[in-house]
């Protein structure tokens, strides 16, 4: 993490009320512009989510991918990179809570089952 602040995004693409920095300091307004975070609509959010889901489906053997997306002036997503390992969930969980939310138990069960199927290799 290079710094900056983290602000969660709701399912409808608006910013949450509180942002955090790496020390846990909270902000309700951007420290430079003084613009409040709450209810600011992220342009192109829905398109970006659809973009990630559609491309993720093409990578059927990969379960956990972190997508880095920029949103252009035309509100269309611009692919930056996808992270396949060693992703940090630190910022995400600070602003949104548990990574998998209501799906946590399902994910645990899925990987518990897959782990039992894997041969042990020493």
N, C-alpha and C. Protein backbone atom coordinates (compact mmCIF):
# COMPACT_ATOMS: atom_id res chain seq x y z
N UNK A 1 0.85 -1.17 0.00
CA UNK A 1 0.00 0.00 0.00
C UNK A 1 0.90 1.24 0.00
N UNK A 2 0.69 2.11 -0.96
CA UNK A 2 1.53 3.28 -1.09
C UNK A 2 0.99 4.48 -0.33
N UNK A 3 -0.17 4.40 0.21
CA UNK A 3 -0.76 5.53 0.92
C UNK A 3 -2.13 5.81 0.39
N UNK A 4 -2.57 7.03 0.54
CA UNK A 4 -3.88 7.41 0.07
C UNK A 4 -4.95 7.03 1.07
N UNK A 5 -6.19 7.07 0.62
CA UNK A 5 -7.31 6.72 1.47
C UNK A 5 -8.21 5.72 0.75
N UNK A 6 -8.97 4.96 1.53
CA UNK A 6 -9.87 3.94 1.00
C UNK A 6 -11.30 4.34 1.32
N UNK A 7 -12.17 4.25 0.32
CA UNK A 7 -13.59 4.51 0.54
C UNK A 7 -14.36 3.39 -0.14
N UNK A 8 -15.26 2.77 0.58
CA UNK A 8 -16.06 1.68 0.02
C UNK A 8 -17.08 2.19 -0.99
N UNK A 9 -17.54 1.27 -1.80
CA UNK A 9 -18.57 1.57 -2.81
C UNK A 9 -19.74 0.64 -2.56
N UNK A 10 -20.94 1.18 -2.54
CA UNK A 10 -22.13 0.36 -2.34
C UNK A 10 -22.45 -0.41 -3.61
N UNK A 11 -23.38 -1.35 -3.51
CA UNK A 11 -23.77 -2.15 -4.68
C UNK A 11 -24.35 -1.31 -5.81
N UNK A 12 -24.90 -0.14 -5.49
CA UNK A 12 -25.47 0.71 -6.54
C UNK A 12 -24.44 1.70 -7.12
N UNK A 13 -23.19 1.60 -6.67
CA UNK A 13 -22.12 2.41 -7.25
C UNK A 13 -21.93 3.78 -6.63
N UNK A 14 -22.39 3.97 -5.41
CA UNK A 14 -22.15 5.23 -4.73
C UNK A 14 -21.15 5.01 -3.60
N UNK A 15 -20.39 6.06 -3.30
CA UNK A 15 -19.40 5.96 -2.24
C UNK A 15 -20.07 5.89 -0.88
N UNK A 16 -19.41 5.20 0.03
CA UNK A 16 -19.88 5.14 1.41
C UNK A 16 -19.50 6.44 2.12
N UNK A 17 -20.01 6.60 3.33
CA UNK A 17 -19.85 7.85 4.06
C UNK A 17 -18.43 8.08 4.57
N UNK A 18 -17.73 7.00 4.96
CA UNK A 18 -16.45 7.15 5.64
C UNK A 18 -15.33 6.50 4.83
N UNK A 19 -14.22 7.22 4.72
CA UNK A 19 -13.00 6.69 4.12
C UNK A 19 -11.95 6.57 5.22
N UNK A 20 -10.93 5.76 4.96
CA UNK A 20 -9.90 5.48 5.95
C UNK A 20 -8.52 5.59 5.30
N UNK A 21 -7.53 5.98 6.10
CA UNK A 21 -6.16 5.89 5.62
C UNK A 21 -5.50 4.67 6.27
N UNK A 22 -4.23 4.43 5.94
CA UNK A 22 -3.57 3.21 6.42
C UNK A 22 -3.36 3.20 7.93
N UNK A 23 -3.49 4.34 8.58
CA UNK A 23 -3.36 4.39 10.04
C UNK A 23 -4.71 4.26 10.74
N UNK A 24 -5.79 4.17 9.94
CA UNK A 24 -7.11 4.03 10.52
C UNK A 24 -7.82 5.35 10.79
N UNK A 25 -7.20 6.45 10.37
CA UNK A 25 -7.85 7.75 10.49
C UNK A 25 -9.06 7.77 9.57
N UNK A 26 -10.18 8.30 10.05
CA UNK A 26 -11.40 8.33 9.23
C UNK A 26 -11.62 9.72 8.64
N UNK A 27 -12.25 9.72 7.47
CA UNK A 27 -12.56 10.95 6.76
C UNK A 27 -13.99 10.86 6.23
N UNK A 28 -14.75 11.91 6.36
CA UNK A 28 -16.07 11.98 5.72
C UNK A 28 -16.02 12.85 4.48
N UNK A 29 -14.92 13.61 4.33
CA UNK A 29 -14.68 14.45 3.16
C UNK A 29 -13.27 14.20 2.67
N UNK A 30 -13.06 14.38 1.38
CA UNK A 30 -11.71 14.23 0.83
C UNK A 30 -10.81 15.29 1.45
N UNK A 31 -9.63 14.90 1.94
CA UNK A 31 -8.77 15.86 2.65
C UNK A 31 -8.26 17.02 1.79
N UNK A 32 -8.23 16.87 0.48
CA UNK A 32 -7.75 17.97 -0.37
C UNK A 32 -8.90 18.80 -0.94
N UNK A 33 -9.93 18.13 -1.47
CA UNK A 33 -11.03 18.86 -2.13
C UNK A 33 -12.15 19.25 -1.17
N UNK A 34 -12.18 18.59 -0.01
CA UNK A 34 -13.23 18.83 0.99
C UNK A 34 -14.62 18.38 0.51
N UNK A 35 -14.67 17.55 -0.53
CA UNK A 35 -15.94 17.03 -1.05
C UNK A 35 -16.34 15.82 -0.20
N UNK A 36 -17.58 15.81 0.31
CA UNK A 36 -18.05 14.65 1.09
C UNK A 36 -18.11 13.40 0.22
N UNK A 37 -17.80 12.26 0.80
CA UNK A 37 -17.82 10.99 0.07
C UNK A 37 -19.24 10.46 -0.11
N UNK A 38 -20.03 10.55 0.91
CA UNK A 38 -21.33 9.89 0.94
C UNK A 38 -22.19 10.24 -0.28
N UNK A 39 -22.71 9.19 -0.90
CA UNK A 39 -23.64 9.28 -2.03
C UNK A 39 -23.05 9.83 -3.32
N UNK A 40 -21.72 9.97 -3.41
CA UNK A 40 -21.10 10.37 -4.68
C UNK A 40 -21.17 9.16 -5.61
N UNK A 41 -21.73 9.34 -6.78
CA UNK A 41 -21.89 8.24 -7.74
C UNK A 41 -20.58 8.03 -8.51
N UNK A 42 -20.14 6.79 -8.58
CA UNK A 42 -18.94 6.45 -9.33
C UNK A 42 -19.36 6.21 -10.78
N UNK A 43 -18.94 7.07 -11.70
CA UNK A 43 -19.35 6.90 -13.10
C UNK A 43 -18.83 5.59 -13.66
N UNK A 44 -19.63 4.93 -14.45
CA UNK A 44 -19.21 3.69 -15.09
C UNK A 44 -19.08 2.50 -14.16
N UNK A 45 -19.58 2.61 -12.93
CA UNK A 45 -19.42 1.52 -11.96
C UNK A 45 -20.08 0.22 -12.46
N UNK A 46 -21.34 0.31 -12.89
CA UNK A 46 -22.05 -0.88 -13.34
C UNK A 46 -21.37 -1.52 -14.54
N UNK A 47 -20.91 -0.68 -15.48
CA UNK A 47 -20.19 -1.20 -16.65
C UNK A 47 -18.91 -1.91 -16.22
N UNK A 48 -18.24 -1.35 -15.23
CA UNK A 48 -16.97 -1.94 -14.76
C UNK A 48 -17.20 -3.29 -14.09
N UNK A 49 -18.26 -3.39 -13.29
CA UNK A 49 -18.58 -4.66 -12.65
C UNK A 49 -18.90 -5.71 -13.71
N UNK A 50 -19.72 -5.35 -14.68
CA UNK A 50 -20.07 -6.28 -15.77
C UNK A 50 -18.83 -6.70 -16.55
N UNK A 51 -17.95 -5.75 -16.82
CA UNK A 51 -16.70 -6.03 -17.53
C UNK A 51 -15.90 -7.10 -16.79
N UNK A 52 -15.73 -6.91 -15.48
CA UNK A 52 -14.95 -7.85 -14.67
C UNK A 52 -15.61 -9.23 -14.64
N UNK A 53 -16.90 -9.26 -14.44
CA UNK A 53 -17.62 -10.55 -14.39
C UNK A 53 -17.49 -11.27 -15.72
N UNK A 54 -17.71 -10.57 -16.83
CA UNK A 54 -17.63 -11.21 -18.15
C UNK A 54 -16.24 -11.75 -18.45
N UNK A 55 -15.21 -11.01 -18.08
CA UNK A 55 -13.85 -11.48 -18.32
C UNK A 55 -13.45 -12.58 -17.34
N UNK A 56 -13.96 -12.50 -16.15
CA UNK A 56 -13.66 -13.54 -15.16
C UNK A 56 -14.21 -14.89 -15.62
N UNK A 57 -15.37 -14.87 -16.23
CA UNK A 57 -15.98 -16.12 -16.73
C UNK A 57 -15.09 -16.81 -17.77
N UNK A 58 -14.30 -16.06 -18.48
CA UNK A 58 -13.41 -16.63 -19.49
C UNK A 58 -12.21 -17.34 -18.86
N UNK A 59 -11.97 -17.07 -17.60
CA UNK A 59 -10.84 -17.65 -16.88
C UNK A 59 -11.38 -18.65 -15.87
N UNK A 60 -12.08 -19.64 -16.37
CA UNK A 60 -12.86 -20.55 -15.53
C UNK A 60 -12.03 -21.34 -14.53
N UNK A 61 -10.76 -21.50 -14.72
CA UNK A 61 -9.93 -22.25 -13.77
C UNK A 61 -9.43 -21.39 -12.63
N UNK A 62 -9.60 -20.08 -12.75
CA UNK A 62 -9.14 -19.16 -11.71
C UNK A 62 -10.33 -18.69 -10.90
N UNK A 63 -10.27 -18.91 -9.60
CA UNK A 63 -11.41 -18.58 -8.76
C UNK A 63 -11.30 -17.19 -8.17
N UNK A 64 -10.13 -16.80 -7.72
CA UNK A 64 -9.97 -15.56 -6.98
C UNK A 64 -9.08 -14.62 -7.78
N UNK A 65 -9.68 -13.55 -8.32
CA UNK A 65 -8.94 -12.58 -9.11
C UNK A 65 -9.28 -11.19 -8.59
N UNK A 66 -8.26 -10.37 -8.42
CA UNK A 66 -8.49 -8.96 -8.09
C UNK A 66 -8.28 -8.16 -9.36
N UNK A 67 -9.31 -7.44 -9.77
CA UNK A 67 -9.28 -6.67 -11.01
C UNK A 67 -8.97 -5.21 -10.71
N UNK A 68 -8.00 -4.66 -11.42
CA UNK A 68 -7.70 -3.23 -11.33
C UNK A 68 -8.26 -2.57 -12.59
N UNK A 69 -9.22 -1.69 -12.39
CA UNK A 69 -9.93 -1.05 -13.49
C UNK A 69 -9.89 0.46 -13.31
N UNK A 70 -9.66 1.17 -14.39
CA UNK A 70 -9.83 2.63 -14.42
C UNK A 70 -11.10 2.90 -15.21
N UNK A 71 -11.69 4.04 -14.99
CA UNK A 71 -12.89 4.39 -15.73
C UNK A 71 -12.57 5.62 -16.58
N UNK A 72 -12.76 5.47 -17.90
CA UNK A 72 -12.42 6.54 -18.83
C UNK A 72 -13.42 7.69 -18.80
N UNK A 73 -13.10 8.76 -19.50
CA UNK A 73 -13.98 9.93 -19.58
C UNK A 73 -15.34 9.57 -20.18
N UNK A 74 -15.38 8.49 -20.96
CA UNK A 74 -16.63 8.04 -21.56
C UNK A 74 -17.40 7.08 -20.64
N UNK A 75 -16.97 6.97 -19.38
CA UNK A 75 -17.57 6.09 -18.37
C UNK A 75 -17.39 4.60 -18.67
N UNK A 76 -16.51 4.26 -19.60
CA UNK A 76 -16.25 2.86 -19.91
C UNK A 76 -15.03 2.38 -19.14
N UNK A 77 -15.06 1.10 -18.74
CA UNK A 77 -13.92 0.55 -17.99
C UNK A 77 -12.68 0.42 -18.85
N UNK A 78 -11.55 0.63 -18.22
CA UNK A 78 -10.24 0.43 -18.86
C UNK A 78 -9.47 -0.56 -17.99
N UNK A 79 -9.14 -1.68 -18.57
CA UNK A 79 -8.41 -2.73 -17.86
C UNK A 79 -6.99 -2.26 -17.56
N UNK A 80 -6.60 -2.38 -16.31
CA UNK A 80 -5.22 -2.07 -15.92
C UNK A 80 -4.45 -3.36 -15.73
N UNK A 81 -4.94 -4.20 -14.82
CA UNK A 81 -4.29 -5.49 -14.58
C UNK A 81 -5.22 -6.36 -13.75
N UNK A 82 -4.90 -7.65 -13.74
CA UNK A 82 -5.57 -8.57 -12.83
C UNK A 82 -4.51 -9.20 -11.95
N UNK A 83 -4.82 -9.33 -10.69
CA UNK A 83 -3.88 -9.90 -9.73
C UNK A 83 -4.37 -11.30 -9.37
N UNK A 84 -3.51 -12.28 -9.56
CA UNK A 84 -3.90 -13.67 -9.36
C UNK A 84 -3.38 -14.27 -8.06
N UNK A 85 -2.45 -13.60 -7.41
CA UNK A 85 -1.95 -14.12 -6.14
C UNK A 85 -1.40 -12.97 -5.29
N UNK A 86 -1.36 -13.23 -4.03
CA UNK A 86 -0.83 -12.29 -3.04
C UNK A 86 -1.58 -10.95 -3.04
N UNK A 87 -2.87 -11.00 -3.36
CA UNK A 87 -3.66 -9.78 -3.29
C UNK A 87 -3.87 -9.39 -1.83
N UNK A 88 -3.90 -8.12 -1.60
CA UNK A 88 -4.20 -7.64 -0.25
C UNK A 88 -5.69 -7.44 -0.11
N UNK A 89 -6.22 -7.88 1.00
CA UNK A 89 -7.64 -7.64 1.28
C UNK A 89 -7.79 -6.60 2.38
N UNK A 90 -6.68 -6.02 2.78
CA UNK A 90 -6.65 -5.06 3.88
C UNK A 90 -7.62 -3.89 3.64
N UNK A 91 -7.41 -3.16 2.57
CA UNK A 91 -8.24 -2.00 2.29
C UNK A 91 -9.69 -2.36 2.09
N UNK A 92 -9.92 -3.45 1.36
CA UNK A 92 -11.30 -3.88 1.10
C UNK A 92 -12.05 -4.15 2.39
N UNK A 93 -11.43 -4.89 3.29
CA UNK A 93 -12.12 -5.26 4.52
C UNK A 93 -12.30 -4.07 5.47
N UNK A 94 -11.41 -3.11 5.41
CA UNK A 94 -11.58 -1.91 6.23
C UNK A 94 -12.86 -1.17 5.82
N UNK A 95 -13.07 -1.01 4.52
CA UNK A 95 -14.20 -0.20 4.06
C UNK A 95 -15.48 -0.98 3.84
N UNK A 96 -15.38 -2.30 3.67
CA UNK A 96 -16.57 -3.09 3.34
C UNK A 96 -16.88 -4.23 4.30
N UNK A 97 -16.00 -4.51 5.23
CA UNK A 97 -16.21 -5.66 6.11
C UNK A 97 -15.63 -6.91 5.48
N UNK A 98 -16.03 -8.09 5.98
CA UNK A 98 -15.45 -9.35 5.50
C UNK A 98 -15.49 -9.47 3.97
N UNK A 99 -14.40 -9.95 3.42
CA UNK A 99 -14.22 -10.01 1.97
C UNK A 99 -15.38 -10.67 1.24
N UNK A 100 -15.83 -11.80 1.71
CA UNK A 100 -16.88 -12.54 1.00
C UNK A 100 -18.28 -12.25 1.53
N UNK A 101 -18.38 -11.43 2.56
CA UNK A 101 -19.68 -11.02 3.09
C UNK A 101 -20.61 -12.19 3.35
N UNK A 102 -21.81 -12.11 2.78
CA UNK A 102 -22.82 -13.15 3.01
C UNK A 102 -22.44 -14.49 2.39
N UNK A 103 -21.41 -14.53 1.56
CA UNK A 103 -20.98 -15.77 0.91
C UNK A 103 -19.83 -16.45 1.66
N UNK A 104 -19.41 -15.92 2.79
CA UNK A 104 -18.26 -16.45 3.51
C UNK A 104 -18.38 -17.93 3.80
N UNK A 105 -19.49 -18.36 4.36
CA UNK A 105 -19.66 -19.78 4.70
C UNK A 105 -19.63 -20.66 3.45
N UNK A 106 -20.24 -20.21 2.37
CA UNK A 106 -20.23 -20.98 1.11
C UNK A 106 -18.81 -21.15 0.59
N UNK A 107 -18.01 -20.09 0.66
CA UNK A 107 -16.63 -20.14 0.19
C UNK A 107 -15.81 -21.11 1.06
N UNK A 108 -16.00 -21.02 2.36
CA UNK A 108 -15.28 -21.93 3.27
C UNK A 108 -15.63 -23.37 2.95
N UNK A 109 -16.90 -23.66 2.77
CA UNK A 109 -17.32 -25.03 2.46
C UNK A 109 -16.75 -25.50 1.12
N UNK A 110 -16.76 -24.64 0.11
CA UNK A 110 -16.23 -25.00 -1.20
C UNK A 110 -14.76 -25.39 -1.11
N UNK A 111 -13.96 -24.57 -0.43
CA UNK A 111 -12.54 -24.85 -0.36
C UNK A 111 -12.21 -25.97 0.61
N UNK A 112 -13.03 -26.14 1.60
CA UNK A 112 -12.85 -27.27 2.51
C UNK A 112 -13.04 -28.57 1.72
N UNK A 113 -14.08 -28.61 0.88
CA UNK A 113 -14.34 -29.78 0.05
C UNK A 113 -13.22 -30.00 -0.96
N UNK A 114 -12.77 -28.94 -1.63
CA UNK A 114 -11.70 -29.07 -2.62
C UNK A 114 -10.40 -29.51 -1.97
N UNK A 115 -10.12 -29.03 -0.77
CA UNK A 115 -8.92 -29.40 -0.05
C UNK A 115 -8.91 -30.89 0.27
N UNK A 116 -10.08 -31.42 0.62
CA UNK A 116 -10.20 -32.85 0.92
C UNK A 116 -9.95 -33.72 -0.31
N UNK A 117 -10.24 -33.18 -1.52
CA UNK A 117 -10.04 -33.94 -2.75
C UNK A 117 -8.59 -33.96 -3.20
N UNK A 118 -7.81 -32.96 -2.81
CA UNK A 118 -6.43 -32.83 -3.28
C UNK A 118 -5.54 -33.90 -2.66
N UNK A 119 -4.68 -34.51 -3.48
CA UNK A 119 -3.72 -35.45 -2.90
C UNK A 119 -2.66 -34.68 -2.11
N UNK A 120 -2.15 -35.30 -1.08
CA UNK A 120 -1.10 -34.68 -0.28
C UNK A 120 0.24 -34.98 -0.95
N UNK A 121 0.98 -33.94 -1.28
CA UNK A 121 2.26 -34.10 -1.95
C UNK A 121 3.34 -33.56 -1.04
N UNK A 122 4.34 -34.38 -0.77
CA UNK A 122 5.44 -33.97 0.11
C UNK A 122 6.69 -33.74 -0.68
